[in-house]
PDB file of N, CA and C in Angstrom:
ATOM      1  N   MET A   1     -55.788-160.676  41.187  1.00  0.00           N
ATOM      2  CA  MET A   1     -56.379-160.003  39.987  1.00  0.00           C
ATOM      3  C   MET A   1     -57.605-159.182  40.522  1.00  0.00           C
ATOM      4  N   PRO A   2     -57.676-157.981  39.986  1.00  0.00           N
ATOM      5  CA  PRO A   2     -58.745-157.041  40.430  1.00  0.00           C
ATOM      6  C   PRO A   2     -60.141-157.642  40.140  1.00  0.00           C
ATOM      7  N   GLN A   3     -61.142-157.237  40.867  1.00  0.00           N
ATOM      8  CA  GLN A   3     -62.487-157.881  40.721  1.00  0.00           C
ATOM      9  C   GLN A   3     -63.054-157.683  39.391  1.00  0.00           C
ATOM     10  N   GLN A   4     -62.905-156.504  38.725  1.00  0.00           N
ATOM     11  CA  GLN A   4     -63.526-156.183  37.328  1.00  0.00           C
ATOM     12  C   GLN A   4     -62.788-157.183  36.384  1.00  0.00           C
ATOM     13  N   ALA A   5     -61.524-157.489  36.545  1.00  0.00           N
ATOM     14  CA  ALA A   5     -60.800-158.406  35.535  1.00  0.00           C
ATOM     15  C   ALA A   5     -61.354-159.818  35.782  1.00  0.00           C
ATOM     16  N   GLN A   6     -61.702-160.178  36.993  1.00  0.00           N
ATOM     17  CA  GLN A   6     -62.339-161.514  37.237  1.00  0.00           C
ATOM     18  C   GLN A   6     -63.709-161.705  36.532  1.00  0.00           C
ATOM     19  N   TRP A   7     -64.365-160.588  36.693  1.00  0.00           N
ATOM     20  CA  TRP A   7     -65.821-160.489  35.965  1.00  0.00           C
ATOM     21  C   TRP A   7     -65.656-160.732  34.547  1.00  0.00           C
ATOM     22  N   VAL A   8     -64.780-159.980  33.946  1.00  0.00           N
ATOM     23  CA  VAL A   8     -64.606-160.042  32.496  1.00  0.00           C
ATOM     24  C   VAL A   8     -64.194-161.453  32.099  1.00  0.00           C
ATOM     25  N   LYS A   9     -63.274-162.095  32.859  1.00  0.00           N
ATOM     26  CA  LYS A   9     -62.780-163.399  32.544  1.00  0.00           C
ATOM     27  C   LYS A   9     -63.905-164.403  32.568  1.00  0.00           C
ATOM     28  N   GLN A  10     -64.809-164.146  33.551  1.00  0.00           N
ATOM     29  CA  GLN A  10     -65.977-165.152  33.789  1.00  0.00           C
ATOM     30  C   GLN A  10     -67.194-164.824  32.906  1.00  0.00           C
ATOM     31  N   GLY A  11     -66.961-163.787  32.091  1.00  0.00           N
ATOM     32  CA  GLY A  11     -68.095-163.362  31.196  1.00  0.00           C
ATOM     33  C   GLY A  11     -69.285-162.770  31.942  1.00  0.00           C
ATOM     34  N   LEU A  12     -69.058-162.048  32.937  1.00  0.00           N
ATOM     35  CA  LEU A  12     -69.958-161.413  33.874  1.00  0.00           C
ATOM     36  C   LEU A  12     -70.077-159.767  33.806  1.00  0.00           C
ATOM     37  N   VAL A  13     -69.658-159.335  32.528  1.00  0.00           N
ATOM     38  CA  VAL A  13     -69.765-157.897  32.319  1.00  0.00           C
ATOM     39  C   VAL A  13     -70.721-157.732  31.149  1.00  0.00           C
ATOM     40  N   PHE A  14     -71.763-156.929  31.345  1.00  0.00           N
ATOM     41  CA  PHE A  14     -72.772-156.897  30.332  1.00  0.00           C
ATOM     42  C   PHE A  14     -72.902-155.499  29.831  1.00  0.00           C
ATOM     43  N   GLN A  15     -73.153-155.410  28.584  1.00  0.00           N
ATOM     44  CA  GLN A  15     -73.385-154.055  27.935  1.00  0.00           C
ATOM     45  C   GLN A  15     -74.803-153.589  27.642  1.00  0.00           C
ATOM     46  N   ASN A  16     -75.657-154.558  27.628  1.00  0.00           N
ATOM     47  CA  ASN A  16     -77.102-154.240  27.450  1.00  0.00           C
ATOM     48  C   ASN A  16     -77.919-155.278  28.112  1.00  0.00           C
ATOM     49  N   THR A  17     -79.201-155.044  27.920  1.00  0.00           N
ATOM     50  CA  THR A  17     -80.262-155.869  28.591  1.00  0.00           C
ATOM     51  C   THR A  17     -80.296-157.273  27.962  1.00  0.00           C
ATOM     52  N   GLN A  18     -80.029-157.461  26.652  1.00  0.00           N
ATOM     53  CA  GLN A  18     -79.985-158.728  26.037  1.00  0.00           C
ATOM     54  C   GLN A  18     -78.906-159.557  26.540  1.00  0.00           C
ATOM     55  N   ASP A  19     -77.702-158.945  26.911  1.00  0.00           N
ATOM     56  CA  ASP A  19     -76.698-159.586  27.424  1.00  0.00           C
ATOM     57  C   ASP A  19     -76.983-160.287  28.861  1.00  0.00           C
ATOM     58  N   ILE A  20     -77.770-159.537  29.633  1.00  0.00           N
ATOM     59  CA  ILE A  20     -78.241-160.020  30.793  1.00  0.00           C
ATOM     60  C   ILE A  20     -79.223-161.205  30.689  1.00  0.00           C
ATOM     61  N   ILE A  21     -80.206-161.062  29.828  1.00  0.00           N
ATOM     62  CA  ILE A  21     -81.125-162.124  29.481  1.00  0.00           C
ATOM     63  C   ILE A  21     -80.486-163.324  28.944  1.00  0.00           C
ATOM     64  N   ASN A  22     -79.473-163.307  28.093  1.00  0.00           N
ATOM     65  CA  ASN A  22     -78.644-164.355  27.659  1.00  0.00           C
ATOM     66  C   ASN A  22     -77.987-165.082  28.796  1.00  0.00           C
ATOM     67  N   ALA A  23     -77.387-164.408  29.622  1.00  0.00           N
ATOM     68  CA  ALA A  23     -76.741-164.930  30.824  1.00  0.00           C
ATOM     69  C   ALA A  23     -77.601-165.650  31.754  1.00  0.00           C
ATOM     70  N   ALA A  24     -78.919-165.147  31.998  1.00  0.00           N
ATOM     71  CA  ALA A  24     -79.869-165.864  32.783  1.00  0.00           C
ATOM     72  C   ALA A  24     -80.316-167.110  32.080  1.00  0.00           C
ATOM     73  N   GLN A  25     -80.585-167.110  30.836  1.00  0.00           N
ATOM     74  CA  GLN A  25     -81.048-168.208  30.030  1.00  0.00           C
ATOM     75  C   GLN A  25     -79.950-169.368  29.960  1.00  0.00           C
ATOM     76  N   THR A  26     -78.697-168.903  29.931  1.00  0.00           N
ATOM     77  CA  THR A  26     -77.636-170.037  29.722  1.00  0.00           C
ATOM     78  C   THR A  26     -77.143-170.424  31.107  1.00  0.00           C
ATOM     79  N   GLY A  27     -77.607-169.895  32.183  1.00  0.00           N
ATOM     80  CA  GLY A  27     -77.212-170.219  33.526  1.00  0.00           C
ATOM     81  C   GLY A  27     -76.003-169.652  34.059  1.00  0.00           C
ATOM     82  N   ILE A  28     -75.388-168.689  33.379  1.00  0.00           N
ATOM     83  CA  ILE A  28     -74.125-168.111  34.003  1.00  0.00           C
ATOM     84  C   ILE A  28     -74.355-166.896  34.955  1.00  0.00           C
ATOM     85  N   LEU A  29     -75.591-166.373  34.783  1.00  0.00           N
ATOM     86  CA  LEU A  29     -75.943-165.233  35.732  1.00  0.00           C
ATOM     87  C   LEU A  29     -75.878-165.755  37.211  1.00  0.00           C
ATOM     88  N   PRO A  30     -75.100-165.070  38.106  1.00  0.00           N
ATOM     89  CA  PRO A  30     -75.127-165.423  39.489  1.00  0.00           C
ATOM     90  C   PRO A  30     -76.461-165.431  40.099  1.00  0.00           C
ATOM     91  N   HIS A  31     -76.657-166.164  41.270  1.00  0.00           N
ATOM     92  CA  HIS A  31     -77.870-166.124  41.863  1.00  0.00           C
ATOM     93  C   HIS A  31     -78.262-164.871  42.501  1.00  0.00           C
ATOM     94  N   GLN A  32     -77.365-164.073  42.937  1.00  0.00           N
ATOM     95  CA  GLN A  32     -77.532-162.705  43.414  1.00  0.00           C
ATOM     96  C   GLN A  32     -76.769-161.665  42.515  1.00  0.00           C
ATOM     97  N   ILE A  33     -77.488-160.631  42.086  1.00  0.00           N
ATOM     98  CA  ILE A  33     -76.762-159.585  41.259  1.00  0.00           C
ATOM     99  C   ILE A  33     -77.231-158.337  41.723  1.00  0.00           C
ATOM    100  N   MET A  34     -76.530-157.262  41.442  1.00  0.00           N
ATOM    101  CA  MET A  34     -76.971-155.822  41.695  1.00  0.00           C
ATOM    102  C   MET A  34     -76.929-155.137  40.424  1.00  0.00           C
ATOM    103  N   ILE A  35     -77.976-154.520  40.084  1.00  0.00           N
ATOM    104  CA  ILE A  35     -78.031-153.632  38.871  1.00  0.00           C
ATOM    105  C   ILE A  35     -78.136-152.151  39.255  1.00  0.00           C
ATOM    106  N   THR A  36     -77.096-151.537  38.918  1.00  0.00           N
ATOM    107  CA  THR A  36     -76.904-150.056  39.096  1.00  0.00           C
ATOM    108  C   THR A  36     -77.504-149.304  37.781  1.00  0.00           C
ATOM    109  N   VAL A  37     -78.418-148.396  38.063  1.00  0.00           N
ATOM    110  CA  VAL A  37     -79.091-147.664  36.845  1.00  0.00           C
ATOM    111  C   VAL A  37     -79.056-146.138  37.119  1.00  0.00           C
ATOM    112  N   HIS A  38     -79.263-145.470  36.005  1.00  0.00           N
ATOM    113  CA  HIS A  38     -79.299-144.029  36.112  1.00  0.00           C
ATOM    114  C   HIS A  38     -80.702-143.557  35.669  1.00  0.00           C
ATOM    115  N   PRO A  39     -81.658-143.473  36.528  1.00  0.00           N
ATOM    116  CA  PRO A  39     -83.057-143.188  36.237  1.00  0.00           C
ATOM    117  C   PRO A  39     -83.222-141.753  35.603  1.00  0.00           C
ATOM    118  N   GLN A  40     -82.350-140.804  35.931  1.00  0.00           N
ATOM    119  CA  GLN A  40     -82.476-139.431  35.298  1.00  0.00           C
ATOM    120  C   GLN A  40     -82.236-139.599  33.711  1.00  0.00           C
ATOM    121  N   ARG A  41     -81.791-140.665  33.288  1.00  0.00           N
ATOM    122  CA  ARG A  41     -81.517-140.843  31.748  1.00  0.00           C
ATOM    123  C   ARG A  41     -82.711-141.500  31.100  1.00  0.00           C
ATOM    124  N   TRP A  42     -83.723-141.878  31.813  1.00  0.00           N
ATOM    125  CA  TRP A  42     -84.874-142.547  31.305  1.00  0.00           C
ATOM    126  C   TRP A  42     -85.990-141.627  31.011  1.00  0.00           C
ATOM    127  N   THR A  43     -86.045-141.288  29.784  1.00  0.00           N
ATOM    128  CA  THR A  43     -87.163-140.375  29.369  1.00  0.00           C
ATOM    129  C   THR A  43     -87.409-140.636  27.901  1.00  0.00           C
ATOM    130  N   ALA A  44     -88.685-140.525  27.523  1.00  0.00           N
ATOM    131  CA  ALA A  44     -89.088-140.654  26.121  1.00  0.00           C
ATOM    132  C   ALA A  44     -89.178-139.221  25.375  1.00  0.00           C
ATOM    133  N   LYS A  45     -88.861-138.238  26.277  1.00  0.00           N
ATOM    134  CA  LYS A  45     -88.980-136.817  25.621  1.00  0.00           C
ATOM    135  C   LYS A  45     -87.654-136.502  25.200  1.00  0.00           C
ATOM    136  N   PRO A  46     -87.622-135.885  23.970  1.00  0.00           N
ATOM    137  CA  PRO A  46     -86.318-135.684  23.313  1.00  0.00           C
ATOM    138  C   PRO A  46     -85.445-134.625  23.847  1.00  0.00           C
ATOM    139  N   LEU A  47     -86.061-133.468  24.356  1.00  0.00           N
ATOM    140  CA  LEU A  47     -85.279-132.399  24.916  1.00  0.00           C
ATOM    141  C   LEU A  47     -84.606-132.853  26.275  1.00  0.00           C
ATOM    142  N   PRO A  48     -85.153-133.300  27.119  1.00  0.00           N
ATOM    143  CA  PRO A  48     -84.575-133.803  28.481  1.00  0.00           C
ATOM    144  C   PRO A  48     -83.566-134.873  28.164  1.00  0.00           C
ATOM    145  N   TRP A  49     -83.822-135.718  27.241  1.00  0.00           N
ATOM    146  CA  TRP A  49     -82.809-136.729  26.845  1.00  0.00           C
ATOM    147  C   TRP A  49     -81.535-136.115  26.150  1.00  0.00           C
ATOM    148  N   LEU A  50     -81.683-135.227  25.342  1.00  0.00           N
ATOM    149  CA  LEU A  50     -80.560-134.620  24.716  1.00  0.00           C
ATOM    150  C   LEU A  50     -79.786-133.805  25.679  1.00  0.00           C
ATOM    151  N   LYS A  51     -80.451-133.152  26.672  1.00  0.00           N
ATOM    152  CA  LYS A  51     -79.851-132.373  27.626  1.00  0.00           C
ATOM    153  C   LYS A  51     -78.854-133.185  28.559  1.00  0.00           C
ATOM    154  N   GLU A  52     -79.419-134.427  29.041  1.00  0.00           N
ATOM    155  CA  GLU A  52     -78.724-135.419  29.792  1.00  0.00           C
ATOM    156  C   GLU A  52     -77.556-136.011  29.042  1.00  0.00           C
ATOM    157  N   TRP A  53     -77.827-136.334  27.776  1.00  0.00           N
ATOM    158  CA  TRP A  53     -76.770-136.827  26.865  1.00  0.00           C
ATOM    159  C   TRP A  53     -75.641-135.893  26.642  1.00  0.00           C
ATOM    160  N   GLY A  54     -75.970-134.599  26.408  1.00  0.00           N
ATOM    161  CA  GLY A  54     -74.968-133.663  26.256  1.00  0.00           C
ATOM    162  C   GLY A  54     -74.202-133.358  27.535  1.00  0.00           C
ATOM    163  N   LEU A  55     -74.833-133.304  28.611  1.00  0.00           N
ATOM    164  CA  LEU A  55     -74.138-132.986  29.945  1.00  0.00           C
ATOM    165  C   LEU A  55     -73.238-134.307  30.319  1.00  0.00           C
ATOM    166  N   GLN A  56     -73.608-135.526  30.055  1.00  0.00           N
ATOM    167  CA  GLN A  56     -72.812-136.652  30.274  1.00  0.00           C
ATOM    168  C   GLN A  56     -71.579-136.493  29.427  1.00  0.00           C
ATOM    169  N   LYS A  57     -71.768-136.105  28.136  1.00  0.00           N
ATOM    170  CA  LYS A  57     -70.556-136.053  27.149  1.00  0.00           C
ATOM    171  C   LYS A  57     -69.563-135.090  27.792  1.00  0.00           C
ATOM    172  N   VAL A  58     -70.043-133.865  28.150  1.00  0.00           N
ATOM    173  CA  VAL A  58     -69.171-132.861  28.602  1.00  0.00           C
ATOM    174  C   VAL A  58     -68.540-133.292  29.860  1.00  0.00           C
ATOM    175  N   LYS A  59     -69.253-133.994  30.823  1.00  0.00           N
ATOM    176  CA  LYS A  59     -68.564-134.483  31.925  1.00  0.00           C
ATOM    177  C   LYS A  59     -67.508-135.552  31.786  1.00  0.00           C
ATOM    178  N   ASN A  60     -67.714-136.399  30.788  1.00  0.00           N
ATOM    179  CA  ASN A  60     -66.780-137.424  30.437  1.00  0.00           C
ATOM    180  C   ASN A  60     -65.570-136.729  29.874  1.00  0.00           C
ATOM    181  N   VAL A  61     -65.709-135.900  29.102  1.00  0.00           N
ATOM    182  CA  VAL A  61     -64.406-135.180  28.517  1.00  0.00           C
ATOM    183  C   VAL A  61     -63.623-134.499  29.634  1.00  0.00           C
ATOM    184  N   VAL A  62     -64.296-133.918  30.551  1.00  0.00           N
ATOM    185  CA  VAL A  62     -63.714-133.221  31.674  1.00  0.00           C
ATOM    186  C   VAL A  62     -62.925-134.303  32.624  1.00  0.00           C
ATOM    187  N   LYS A  63     -63.680-135.406  32.900  1.00  0.00           N
ATOM    188  CA  LYS A  63     -63.008-136.413  33.686  1.00  0.00           C
ATOM    189  C   LYS A  63     -61.857-137.076  32.972  1.00  0.00           C
ATOM    190  N   TYR A  64     -61.924-137.132  31.655  1.00  0.00           N
ATOM    191  CA  TYR A  64     -60.849-137.708  30.821  1.00  0.00           C
ATOM    192  C   TYR A  64     -59.590-136.833  30.893  1.00  0.00           C
ATOM    193  N   LEU A  65     -59.819-135.451  30.833  1.00  0.00           N
ATOM    194  CA  LEU A  65     -58.736-134.492  30.767  1.00  0.00           C
ATOM    195  C   LEU A  65     -58.159-134.406  32.243  1.00  0.00           C
ATOM    196  N   ILE A  66     -58.855-134.519  33.204  1.00  0.00           N
ATOM    197  CA  ILE A  66     -58.312-134.581  34.610  1.00  0.00           C
ATOM    198  C   ILE A  66     -57.451-135.817  34.799  1.00  0.00           C
ATOM    199  N   VAL A  67     -58.014-136.839  34.419  1.00  0.00           N
ATOM    200  CA  VAL A  67     -57.210-138.100  34.698  1.00  0.00           C
ATOM    201  C   VAL A  67     -55.979-138.204  33.738  1.00  0.00           C
ATOM    202  N   SER A  68     -56.129-137.849  32.572  1.00  0.00           N
ATOM    203  CA  SER A  68     -54.858-137.869  31.697  1.00  0.00           C
ATOM    204  C   SER A  68     -53.883-136.882  31.936  1.00  0.00           C
ATOM    205  N   ARG A  69     -54.265-135.806  32.531  1.00  0.00           N
ATOM    206  CA  ARG A  69     -53.291-134.743  32.937  1.00  0.00           C
ATOM    207  C   ARG A  69     -52.900-134.877  34.488  1.00  0.00           C
ATOM    208  N   LYS A  70     -53.577-135.726  35.165  1.00  0.00           N
ATOM    209  CA  LYS A  70     -53.348-136.061  36.574  1.00  0.00           C
ATOM    210  C   LYS A  70     -53.451-134.744  37.392  1.00  0.00           C
ATOM    211  N   LEU A  71     -54.513-133.977  37.227  1.00  0.00           N
ATOM    212  CA  LEU A  71     -54.618-132.755  37.845  1.00  0.00           C
ATOM    213  C   LEU A  71     -55.219-133.023  39.286  1.00  0.00           C
TER     214      LEU A  71
END
């Protein structure tokens, strides 16, 4: 079974901070974890945030097209 599928089965895939907090409080969070973040997305300023959001949307569409057409 692929690693990601094992994590899903064990309930170790989190979508937000509250999911991680809940896992820690209920004792299912492993003793060692690695959190990968995207600091360029952390801003309270609307224009830089919108720019990053827009670029990510475009990038995701391009990646989807490449994968779906197997280019």
